[in-house]
Amino acid sequence: MIKSELIQKLADENPHLFQRDVERIVAAVFDEIADALSRGDRVELRGFGAFSVKQRDARVGRNPRTGESVDVPEKRAPFFKTGKDLRDRMNG
C-alpha cells in the first residue's frame, strides 16, 4: 500500500471528512514520526510496532567495483520493530 492508497481508504471509511483533510491528517502523522526520529526519540504505536533510531559506527568499507578500501562515516538509521499484535496477525 502506498500513501495515496492509505489516504483513499481512510477517506472512504470516513465519508464525513473531506479527502484534503484526510491528506493533512496522514501528512501530520508522518511528519510527527519523522520529527521525533530526527530528534532521536522513539515512537511506539501499540499493537503495530515501534520506530527508533540506531547509531551505526564508522567503519572501513570496500568499493565493490574497484575493491579499494573506503572510510564510511558514522550515521544514524531508522529502525522498525513490529509489535506483538502485528506479528500474530501476520503469522496466525
PDB file of N, CA and C in Angstrom:
ATOM      1  N   MET A   1       0.848  -1.168   0.000  1.00  0.00           N
ATOM      2  CA  MET A   1       0.000   0.000   0.000  1.00  0.00           C
ATOM      3  C   MET A   1       0.896   1.235   0.000  1.00  0.00           C
ATOM      4  N   ILE A   2       0.530   2.183  -0.830  1.00  0.00           N
ATOM      5  CA  ILE A   2       1.269   3.439  -0.868  1.00  0.00           C
ATOM      6  C   ILE A   2       0.444   4.525  -0.172  1.00  0.00           C
ATOM      7  N   LYS A   3       1.076   5.662   0.057  1.00  0.00           N
ATOM      8  CA  LYS A   3       0.451   6.731   0.837  1.00  0.00           C
ATOM      9  C   LYS A   3      -0.899   7.164   0.253  1.00  0.00           C
ATOM     10  N   SER A   4      -0.979   7.298  -1.066  1.00  0.00           N
ATOM     11  CA  SER A   4      -2.230   7.733  -1.687  1.00  0.00           C
ATOM     12  C   SER A   4      -3.340   6.696  -1.491  1.00  0.00           C
ATOM     13  N   GLU A   5      -2.980   5.412  -1.500  1.00  0.00           N
ATOM     14  CA  GLU A   5      -3.970   4.357  -1.257  1.00  0.00           C
ATOM     15  C   GLU A   5      -4.456   4.407   0.188  1.00  0.00           C
ATOM     16  N   LEU A   6      -3.554   4.679   1.117  1.00  0.00           N
ATOM     17  CA  LEU A   6      -3.935   4.819   2.523  1.00  0.00           C
ATOM     18  C   LEU A   6      -4.907   5.984   2.693  1.00  0.00           C
ATOM     19  N   ILE A   7      -4.591   7.104   2.083  1.00  0.00           N
ATOM     20  CA  ILE A   7      -5.457   8.284   2.165  1.00  0.00           C
ATOM     21  C   ILE A   7      -6.830   7.966   1.596  1.00  0.00           C
ATOM     22  N   GLN A   8      -6.880   7.297   0.445  1.00  0.00           N
ATOM     23  CA  GLN A   8      -8.150   6.973  -0.184  1.00  0.00           C
ATOM     24  C   GLN A   8      -8.974   6.028   0.684  1.00  0.00           C
ATOM     25  N   LYS A   9      -8.322   5.032   1.278  1.00  0.00           N
ATOM     26  CA  LYS A   9      -9.033   4.076   2.140  1.00  0.00           C
ATOM     27  C   LYS A   9      -9.603   4.777   3.365  1.00  0.00           C
ATOM     28  N   LEU A  10      -8.819   5.651   3.982  1.00  0.00           N
ATOM     29  CA  LEU A  10      -9.307   6.392   5.144  1.00  0.00           C
ATOM     30  C   LEU A  10     -10.445   7.333   4.764  1.00  0.00           C
ATOM     31  N   ALA A  11     -10.341   7.953   3.604  1.00  0.00           N
ATOM     32  CA  ALA A  11     -11.407   8.852   3.144  1.00  0.00           C
ATOM     33  C   ALA A  11     -12.690   8.063   2.871  1.00  0.00           C
ATOM     34  N   ASP A  12     -12.560   6.879   2.304  1.00  0.00           N
ATOM     35  CA  ASP A  12     -13.734   6.043   2.032  1.00  0.00           C
ATOM     36  C   ASP A  12     -14.397   5.577   3.321  1.00  0.00           C
ATOM     37  N   GLU A  13     -13.585   5.263   4.333  1.00  0.00           N
ATOM     38  CA  GLU A  13     -14.128   4.781   5.605  1.00  0.00           C
ATOM     39  C   GLU A  13     -14.677   5.911   6.476  1.00  0.00           C
ATOM     40  N   ASN A  14     -14.339   7.148   6.148  1.00  0.00           N
ATOM     41  CA  ASN A  14     -14.797   8.309   6.917  1.00  0.00           C
ATOM     42  C   ASN A  14     -15.422   9.337   5.981  1.00  0.00           C
ATOM     43  N   PRO A  15     -16.636   9.046   5.484  1.00  0.00           N
ATOM     44  CA  PRO A  15     -17.255   9.944   4.494  1.00  0.00           C
ATOM     45  C   PRO A  15     -17.565  11.335   5.044  1.00  0.00           C
ATOM     46  N   HIS A  16     -17.560  11.502   6.370  1.00  0.00           N
ATOM     47  CA  HIS A  16     -17.831  12.815   6.950  1.00  0.00           C
ATOM     48  C   HIS A  16     -16.620  13.742   6.864  1.00  0.00           C
ATOM     49  N   LEU A  17     -15.451  13.208   6.447  1.00  0.00           N
ATOM     50  CA  LEU A  17     -14.246  14.020   6.293  1.00  0.00           C
ATOM     51  C   LEU A  17     -13.961  14.265   4.813  1.00  0.00           C
ATOM     52  N   PHE A  18     -13.492  15.456   4.507  1.00  0.00           N
ATOM     53  CA  PHE A  18     -13.073  15.742   3.138  1.00  0.00           C
ATOM     54  C   PHE A  18     -11.726  15.061   2.889  1.00  0.00           C
ATOM     55  N   GLN A  19     -11.488  14.682   1.628  1.00  0.00           N
ATOM     56  CA  GLN A  19     -10.239  13.993   1.307  1.00  0.00           C
ATOM     57  C   GLN A  19      -9.034  14.877   1.624  1.00  0.00           C
ATOM     58  N   ARG A  20      -9.132  16.180   1.398  1.00  0.00           N
ATOM     59  CA  ARG A  20      -7.997  17.068   1.690  1.00  0.00           C
ATOM     60  C   ARG A  20      -7.681  17.088   3.184  1.00  0.00           C
ATOM     61  N   ASP A  21      -8.734  16.914   4.033  1.00  0.00           N
ATOM     62  CA  ASP A  21      -8.500  16.849   5.475  1.00  0.00           C
ATOM     63  C   ASP A  21      -7.796  15.549   5.850  1.00  0.00           C
ATOM     64  N   VAL A  22      -8.188  14.455   5.201  1.00  0.00           N
ATOM     65  CA  VAL A  22      -7.535  13.160   5.455  1.00  0.00           C
ATOM     66  C   VAL A  22      -6.070  13.236   5.027  1.00  0.00           C
ATOM     67  N   GLU A  23      -5.792  13.886   3.884  1.00  0.00           N
ATOM     68  CA  GLU A  23      -4.417  14.052   3.427  1.00  0.00           C
ATOM     69  C   GLU A  23      -3.598  14.815   4.455  1.00  0.00           C
ATOM     70  N   ARG A  24      -4.161  15.869   5.028  1.00  0.00           N
ATOM     71  CA  ARG A  24      -3.452  16.659   6.037  1.00  0.00           C
ATOM     72  C   ARG A  24      -3.201  15.841   7.299  1.00  0.00           C
ATOM     73  N   ILE A  25      -4.172  15.030   7.698  1.00  0.00           N
ATOM     74  CA  ILE A  25      -4.017  14.191   8.893  1.00  0.00           C
ATOM     75  C   ILE A  25      -2.890  13.181   8.695  1.00  0.00           C
ATOM     76  N   VAL A  26      -2.900  12.488   7.562  1.00  0.00           N
ATOM     77  CA  VAL A  26      -1.869  11.486   7.275  1.00  0.00           C
ATOM     78  C   VAL A  26      -0.490  12.161   7.205  1.00  0.00           C
ATOM     79  N   ALA A  27      -0.419  13.301   6.539  1.00  0.00           N
ATOM     80  CA  ALA A  27       0.856  14.024   6.436  1.00  0.00           C
ATOM     81  C   ALA A  27       1.337  14.461   7.817  1.00  0.00           C
ATOM     82  N   ALA A  28       0.418  14.918   8.669  1.00  0.00           N
ATOM     83  CA  ALA A  28       0.795  15.354  10.015  1.00  0.00           C
ATOM     84  C   ALA A  28       1.341  14.189  10.838  1.00  0.00           C
ATOM     85  N   VAL A  29       0.715  13.021  10.727  1.00  0.00           N
ATOM     86  CA  VAL A  29       1.181  11.845  11.473  1.00  0.00           C
ATOM     87  C   VAL A  29       2.585  11.462  11.009  1.00  0.00           C
ATOM     88  N   PHE A  30       2.795  11.387   9.692  1.00  0.00           N
ATOM     89  CA  PHE A  30       4.110  11.014   9.173  1.00  0.00           C
ATOM     90  C   PHE A  30       5.165  12.060   9.537  1.00  0.00           C
ATOM     91  N   ASP A  31       4.800  13.336   9.471  1.00  0.00           N
ATOM     92  CA  ASP A  31       5.738  14.410   9.822  1.00  0.00           C
ATOM     93  C   ASP A  31       6.138  14.325  11.290  1.00  0.00           C
ATOM     94  N   GLU A  32       5.188  14.038  12.163  1.00  0.00           N
ATOM     95  CA  GLU A  32       5.496  13.927  13.589  1.00  0.00           C
ATOM     96  C   GLU A  32       6.418  12.748  13.873  1.00  0.00           C
ATOM     97  N   ILE A  33       6.173  11.632  13.194  1.00  0.00           N
ATOM     98  CA  ILE A  33       7.049  10.466  13.358  1.00  0.00           C
ATOM     99  C   ILE A  33       8.455  10.814  12.891  1.00  0.00           C
ATOM    100  N   ALA A  34       8.569  11.457  11.725  1.00  0.00           N
ATOM    101  CA  ALA A  34       9.885  11.829  11.192  1.00  0.00           C
ATOM    102  C   ALA A  34      10.586  12.838  12.099  1.00  0.00           C
ATOM    103  N   ASP A  35       9.848  13.819  12.608  1.00  0.00           N
ATOM    104  CA  ASP A  35      10.444  14.818  13.510  1.00  0.00           C
ATOM    105  C   ASP A  35      10.954  14.167  14.791  1.00  0.00           C
ATOM    106  N   ALA A  36      10.170  13.258  15.354  1.00  0.00           N
ATOM    107  CA  ALA A  36      10.582  12.575  16.582  1.00  0.00           C
ATOM    108  C   ALA A  36      11.844  11.749  16.339  1.00  0.00           C
ATOM    109  N   LEU A  37      11.899  11.049  15.225  1.00  0.00           N
ATOM    110  CA  LEU A  37      13.082  10.237  14.917  1.00  0.00           C
ATOM    111  C   LEU A  37      14.303  11.119  14.679  1.00  0.00           C
ATOM    112  N   SER A  38      14.116  12.268  14.042  1.00  0.00           N
ATOM    113  CA  SER A  38      15.256  13.156  13.799  1.00  0.00           C
ATOM    114  C   SER A  38      15.797  13.728  15.109  1.00  0.00           C
ATOM    115  N   ARG A  39      14.948  13.827  16.135  1.00  0.00           N
ATOM    116  CA  ARG A  39      15.394  14.267  17.462  1.00  0.00           C
ATOM    117  C   ARG A  39      16.024  13.115  18.250  1.00  0.00           C
ATOM    118  N   GLY A  40      15.912  11.890  17.717  1.00  0.00           N
ATOM    119  CA  GLY A  40      16.462  10.727  18.413  1.00  0.00           C
ATOM    120  C   GLY A  40      15.459  10.062  19.334  1.00  0.00           C
ATOM    121  N   ASP A  41      14.200  10.495  19.287  1.00  0.00           N
ATOM    122  CA  ASP A  41      13.161   9.905  20.129  1.00  0.00           C
ATOM    123  C   ASP A  41      12.672   8.588  19.536  1.00  0.00           C
ATOM    124  N   ARG A  42      11.969   7.837  20.355  1.00  0.00           N
ATOM    125  CA  ARG A  42      11.363   6.564  19.953  1.00  0.00           C
ATOM    126  C   ARG A  42       9.870   6.797  19.799  1.00  0.00           C
ATOM    127  N   VAL A  43       9.264   6.225  18.760  1.00  0.00           N
ATOM    128  CA  VAL A  43       7.826   6.353  18.524  1.00  0.00           C
ATOM    129  C   VAL A  43       7.214   4.966  18.602  1.00  0.00           C
ATOM    130  N   GLU A  44       6.289   4.787  19.534  1.00  0.00           N
ATOM    131  CA  GLU A  44       5.668   3.475  19.715  1.00  0.00           C
ATOM    132  C   GLU A  44       4.180   3.580  19.421  1.00  0.00           C
ATOM    133  N   LEU A  45       3.711   2.713  18.538  1.00  0.00           N
ATOM    134  CA  LEU A  45       2.292   2.612  18.213  1.00  0.00           C
ATOM    135  C   LEU A  45       1.836   1.245  18.712  1.00  0.00           C
ATOM    136  N   ARG A  46       1.160   1.228  19.840  1.00  0.00           N
ATOM    137  CA  ARG A  46       0.775  -0.033  20.484  1.00  0.00           C
ATOM    138  C   ARG A  46       0.047  -0.947  19.508  1.00  0.00           C
ATOM    139  N   GLY A  47       0.448  -2.196  19.485  1.00  0.00           N
ATOM    140  CA  GLY A  47      -0.171  -3.185  18.622  1.00  0.00           C
ATOM    141  C   GLY A  47       0.391  -3.182  17.216  1.00  0.00           C
ATOM    142  N   PHE A  48       1.099  -2.130  16.837  1.00  0.00           N
ATOM    143  CA  PHE A  48       1.652  -2.035  15.489  1.00  0.00           C
ATOM    144  C   PHE A  48       3.162  -2.224  15.504  1.00  0.00           C
ATOM    145  N   GLY A  49       3.852  -1.387  16.289  1.00  0.00           N
ATOM    146  CA  GLY A  49       5.297  -1.505  16.357  1.00  0.00           C
ATOM    147  C   GLY A  49       5.932  -0.237  16.881  1.00  0.00           C
ATOM    148  N   ALA A  50       7.248  -0.221  16.852  1.00  0.00           N
ATOM    149  CA  ALA A  50       7.992   0.922  17.376  1.00  0.00           C
ATOM    150  C   ALA A  50       9.067   1.339  16.387  1.00  0.00           C
ATOM    151  N   PHE A  51       9.152   2.642  16.159  1.00  0.00           N
ATOM    152  CA  PHE A  51      10.194   3.223  15.337  1.00  0.00           C
ATOM    153  C   PHE A  51      11.261   3.770  16.268  1.00  0.00           C
ATOM    154  N   SER A  52      12.515   3.536  15.945  1.00  0.00           N
ATOM    155  CA  SER A  52      13.607   4.083  16.745  1.00  0.00           C
ATOM    156  C   SER A  52      14.764   4.401  15.813  1.00  0.00           C
ATOM    157  N   VAL A  53      15.808   4.975  16.388  1.00  0.00           N
ATOM    158  CA  VAL A  53      16.995   5.334  15.612  1.00  0.00           C
ATOM    159  C   VAL A  53      18.165   4.517  16.142  1.00  0.00           C
ATOM    160  N   LYS A  54      18.891   3.894  15.235  1.00  0.00           N
ATOM    161  CA  LYS A  54      20.088   3.137  15.618  1.00  0.00           C
ATOM    162  C   LYS A  54      21.318   3.877  15.112  1.00  0.00           C
ATOM    163  N   GLN A  55      22.314   3.908  15.966  1.00  0.00           N
ATOM    164  CA  GLN A  55      23.588   4.538  15.614  1.00  0.00           C
ATOM    165  C   GLN A  55      24.480   3.502  14.943  1.00  0.00           C
ATOM    166  N   ARG A  56      24.959   3.812  13.763  1.00  0.00           N
ATOM    167  CA  ARG A  56      25.898   2.919  13.072  1.00  0.00           C
ATOM    168  C   ARG A  56      27.283   3.540  13.166  1.00  0.00           C
ATOM    169  N   ASP A  57      28.217   2.807  13.711  1.00  0.00           N
ATOM    170  CA  ASP A  57      29.574   3.304  13.900  1.00  0.00           C
ATOM    171  C   ASP A  57      30.303   3.461  12.570  1.00  0.00           C
ATOM    172  N   ALA A  58      31.327   4.310  12.588  1.00  0.00           N
ATOM    173  CA  ALA A  58      32.186   4.463  11.415  1.00  0.00           C
ATOM    174  C   ALA A  58      32.928   3.150  11.187  1.00  0.00           C
ATOM    175  N   ARG A  59      33.207   2.859   9.934  1.00  0.00           N
ATOM    176  CA  ARG A  59      33.891   1.609   9.613  1.00  0.00           C
ATOM    177  C   ARG A  59      34.646   1.774   8.299  1.00  0.00           C
ATOM    178  N   VAL A  60      35.428   0.787   7.998  1.00  0.00           N
ATOM    179  CA  VAL A  60      36.125   0.773   6.719  1.00  0.00           C
ATOM    180  C   VAL A  60      35.360  -0.190   5.815  1.00  0.00           C
ATOM    181  N   GLY A  61      34.856   0.331   4.708  1.00  0.00           N
ATOM    182  CA  GLY A  61      34.119  -0.489   3.757  1.00  0.00           C
ATOM    183  C   GLY A  61      34.975  -0.771   2.537  1.00  0.00           C
ATOM    184  N   ARG A  62      34.360  -1.390   1.549  1.00  0.00           N
ATOM    185  CA  ARG A  62      35.082  -1.734   0.325  1.00  0.00           C
ATOM    186  C   ARG A  62      34.237  -1.351  -0.868  1.00  0.00           C
ATOM    187  N   ASN A  63      34.840  -0.670  -1.806  1.00  0.00           N
ATOM    188  CA  ASN A  63      34.163  -0.326  -3.048  1.00  0.00           C
ATOM    189  C   ASN A  63      34.065  -1.602  -3.882  1.00  0.00           C
ATOM    190  N   PRO A  64      32.833  -2.093  -4.148  1.00  0.00           N
ATOM    191  CA  PRO A  64      32.708  -3.379  -4.862  1.00  0.00           C
ATOM    192  C   PRO A  64      33.210  -3.311  -6.306  1.00  0.00           C
ATOM    193  N   ARG A  65      33.214  -2.129  -6.889  1.00  0.00           N
ATOM    194  CA  ARG A  65      33.650  -2.018  -8.278  1.00  0.00           C
ATOM    195  C   ARG A  65      35.170  -2.073  -8.399  1.00  0.00           C
ATOM    196  N   THR A  66      35.860  -1.332  -7.510  1.00  0.00           N
ATOM    197  CA  THR A  66      37.322  -1.254  -7.624  1.00  0.00           C
ATOM    198  C   THR A  66      38.051  -2.106  -6.595  1.00  0.00           C
ATOM    199  N   GLY A  67      37.370  -2.465  -5.506  1.00  0.00           N
ATOM    200  CA  GLY A  67      37.990  -3.268  -4.469  1.00  0.00           C
ATOM    201  C   GLY A  67      38.786  -2.456  -3.463  1.00  0.00           C
ATOM    202  N   GLU A  68      38.864  -1.126  -3.651  1.00  0.00           N
ATOM    203  CA  GLU A  68      39.645  -0.311  -2.719  1.00  0.00           C
ATOM    204  C   GLU A  68      38.871  -0.055  -1.434  1.00  0.00           C
ATOM    205  N   SER A  69      39.608   0.158  -0.354  1.00  0.00           N
ATOM    206  CA  SER A  69      39.011   0.442   0.943  1.00  0.00           C
ATOM    207  C   SER A  69      38.492   1.879   0.980  1.00  0.00           C
ATOM    208  N   VAL A  70      37.333   2.046   1.637  1.00  0.00           N
ATOM    209  CA  VAL A  70      36.715   3.364   1.733  1.00  0.00           C
ATOM    210  C   VAL A  70      36.277   3.569   3.177  1.00  0.00           C
ATOM    211  N   ASP A  71      36.519   4.765   3.707  1.00  0.00           N
ATOM    212  CA  ASP A  71      36.053   5.089   5.049  1.00  0.00           C
ATOM    213  C   ASP A  71      34.563   5.444   4.985  1.00  0.00           C
ATOM    214  N   VAL A  72      33.765   4.739   5.771  1.00  0.00           N
ATOM    215  CA  VAL A  72      32.328   5.007   5.848  1.00  0.00           C
ATOM    216  C   VAL A  72      32.090   5.718   7.184  1.00  0.00           C
ATOM    217  N   PRO A  73      31.549   6.956   7.145  1.00  0.00           N
ATOM    218  CA  PRO A  73      31.357   7.695   8.399  1.00  0.00           C
ATOM    219  C   PRO A  73      30.227   7.103   9.235  1.00  0.00           C
ATOM    220  N   GLU A  74      30.205   7.464  10.522  1.00  0.00           N
ATOM    221  CA  GLU A  74      29.107   7.001  11.376  1.00  0.00           C
ATOM    222  C   GLU A  74      27.825   7.690  10.931  1.00  0.00           C
ATOM    223  N   LYS A  75      26.715   7.026  11.162  1.00  0.00           N
ATOM    224  CA  LYS A  75      25.430   7.601  10.777  1.00  0.00           C
ATOM    225  C   LYS A  75      24.319   7.019  11.628  1.00  0.00           C
ATOM    226  N   ARG A  76      23.202   7.705  11.603  1.00  0.00           N
ATOM    227  CA  ARG A  76      22.007   7.236  12.304  1.00  0.00           C
ATOM    228  C   ARG A  76      21.034   6.709  11.256  1.00  0.00           C
ATOM    229  N   ALA A  77      20.391   5.589  11.559  1.00  0.00           N
ATOM    230  CA  ALA A  77      19.472   4.970  10.621  1.00  0.00           C
ATOM    231  C   ALA A  77      18.167   4.631  11.336  1.00  0.00           C
ATOM    232  N   PRO A  78      17.026   4.828  10.649  1.00  0.00           N
ATOM    233  CA  PRO A  78      15.751   4.464  11.271  1.00  0.00           C
ATOM    234  C   PRO A  78      15.629   2.949  11.367  1.00  0.00           C
ATOM    235  N   PHE A  79      14.921   2.495  12.404  1.00  0.00           N
ATOM    236  CA  PHE A  79      14.738   1.068  12.651  1.00  0.00           C
ATOM    237  C   PHE A  79      13.295   0.861  13.082  1.00  0.00           C
ATOM    238  N   PHE A  80      12.659  -0.198  12.588  1.00  0.00           N
ATOM    239  CA  PHE A  80      11.283  -0.517  12.949  1.00  0.00           C
ATOM    240  C   PHE A  80      11.225  -1.918  13.522  1.00  0.00           C
ATOM    241  N   LYS A  81      10.583  -2.042  14.666  1.00  0.00           N
ATOM    242  CA  LYS A  81      10.380  -3.351  15.283  1.00  0.00           C
ATOM    243  C   LYS A  81       8.876  -3.577  15.386  1.00  0.00           C
ATOM    244  N   THR A  82       8.398  -4.677  14.820  1.00  0.00           N
ATOM    245  CA  THR A  82       6.967  -4.943  14.828  1.00  0.00           C
ATOM    246  C   THR A  82       6.473  -5.244  16.232  1.00  0.00           C
ATOM    247  N   GLY A  83       5.220  -4.888  16.472  1.00  0.00           N
ATOM    248  CA  GLY A  83       4.584  -5.188  17.738  1.00  0.00           C
ATOM    249  C   GLY A  83       4.042  -6.607  17.743  1.00  0.00           C
ATOM    250  N   LYS A  84       3.724  -7.110  18.919  1.00  0.00           N
ATOM    251  CA  LYS A  84       3.246  -8.483  19.060  1.00  0.00           C
ATOM    252  C   LYS A  84       1.941  -8.713  18.302  1.00  0.00           C
ATOM    253  N   ASP A  85       1.004  -7.772  18.395  1.00  0.00           N
ATOM    254  CA  ASP A  85      -0.279  -7.938  17.707  1.00  0.00           C
ATOM    255  C   ASP A  85      -0.099  -8.044  16.198  1.00  0.00           C
ATOM    256  N   LEU A  86       0.767  -7.221  15.636  1.00  0.00           N
ATOM    257  CA  LEU A  86       1.015  -7.254  14.197  1.00  0.00           C
ATOM    258  C   LEU A  86       1.692  -8.569  13.788  1.00  0.00           C
ATOM    259  N   ARG A  87       2.682  -8.994  14.574  1.00  0.00           N
ATOM    260  CA  ARG A  87       3.346 -10.276  14.275  1.00  0.00           C
ATOM    261  C   ARG A  87       2.348 -11.426  14.321  1.00  0.00           C
ATOM    262  N   ASP A  88       1.488 -11.446  15.358  1.00  0.00           N
ATOM    263  CA  ASP A  88       0.493 -12.512  15.483  1.00  0.00           C
ATOM    264  C   ASP A  88      -0.482 -12.494  14.308  1.00  0.00           C
ATOM    265  N   ARG A  89      -0.860 -11.300  13.883  1.00  0.00           N
ATOM    266  CA  ARG A  89      -1.805 -11.183  12.769  1.00  0.00           C
ATOM    267  C   ARG A  89      -1.189 -11.674  11.462  1.00  0.00           C
ATOM    268  N   MET A  90       0.097 -11.419  11.290  1.00  0.00           N
ATOM    269  CA  MET A  90       0.771 -11.855  10.063  1.00  0.00           C
ATOM    270  C   MET A  90       1.029 -13.348  10.051  1.00  0.00           C
ATOM    271  N   ASN A  91       1.275 -13.934  11.228  1.00  0.00           N
ATOM    272  CA  ASN A  91       1.644 -15.345  11.297  1.00  0.00           C
ATOM    273  C   ASN A  91       0.510 -16.249  11.762  1.00  0.00           C
ATOM    274  N   GLY A  92      -0.668 -15.693  11.989  1.00  0.00           N
ATOM    275  CA  GLY A  92      -1.747 -16.504  12.549  1.00  0.00           C
ATOM    276  C   GLY A  92      -2.843 -16.816  11.649  1.00  0.00           C
TER     277      GLY A  92
END
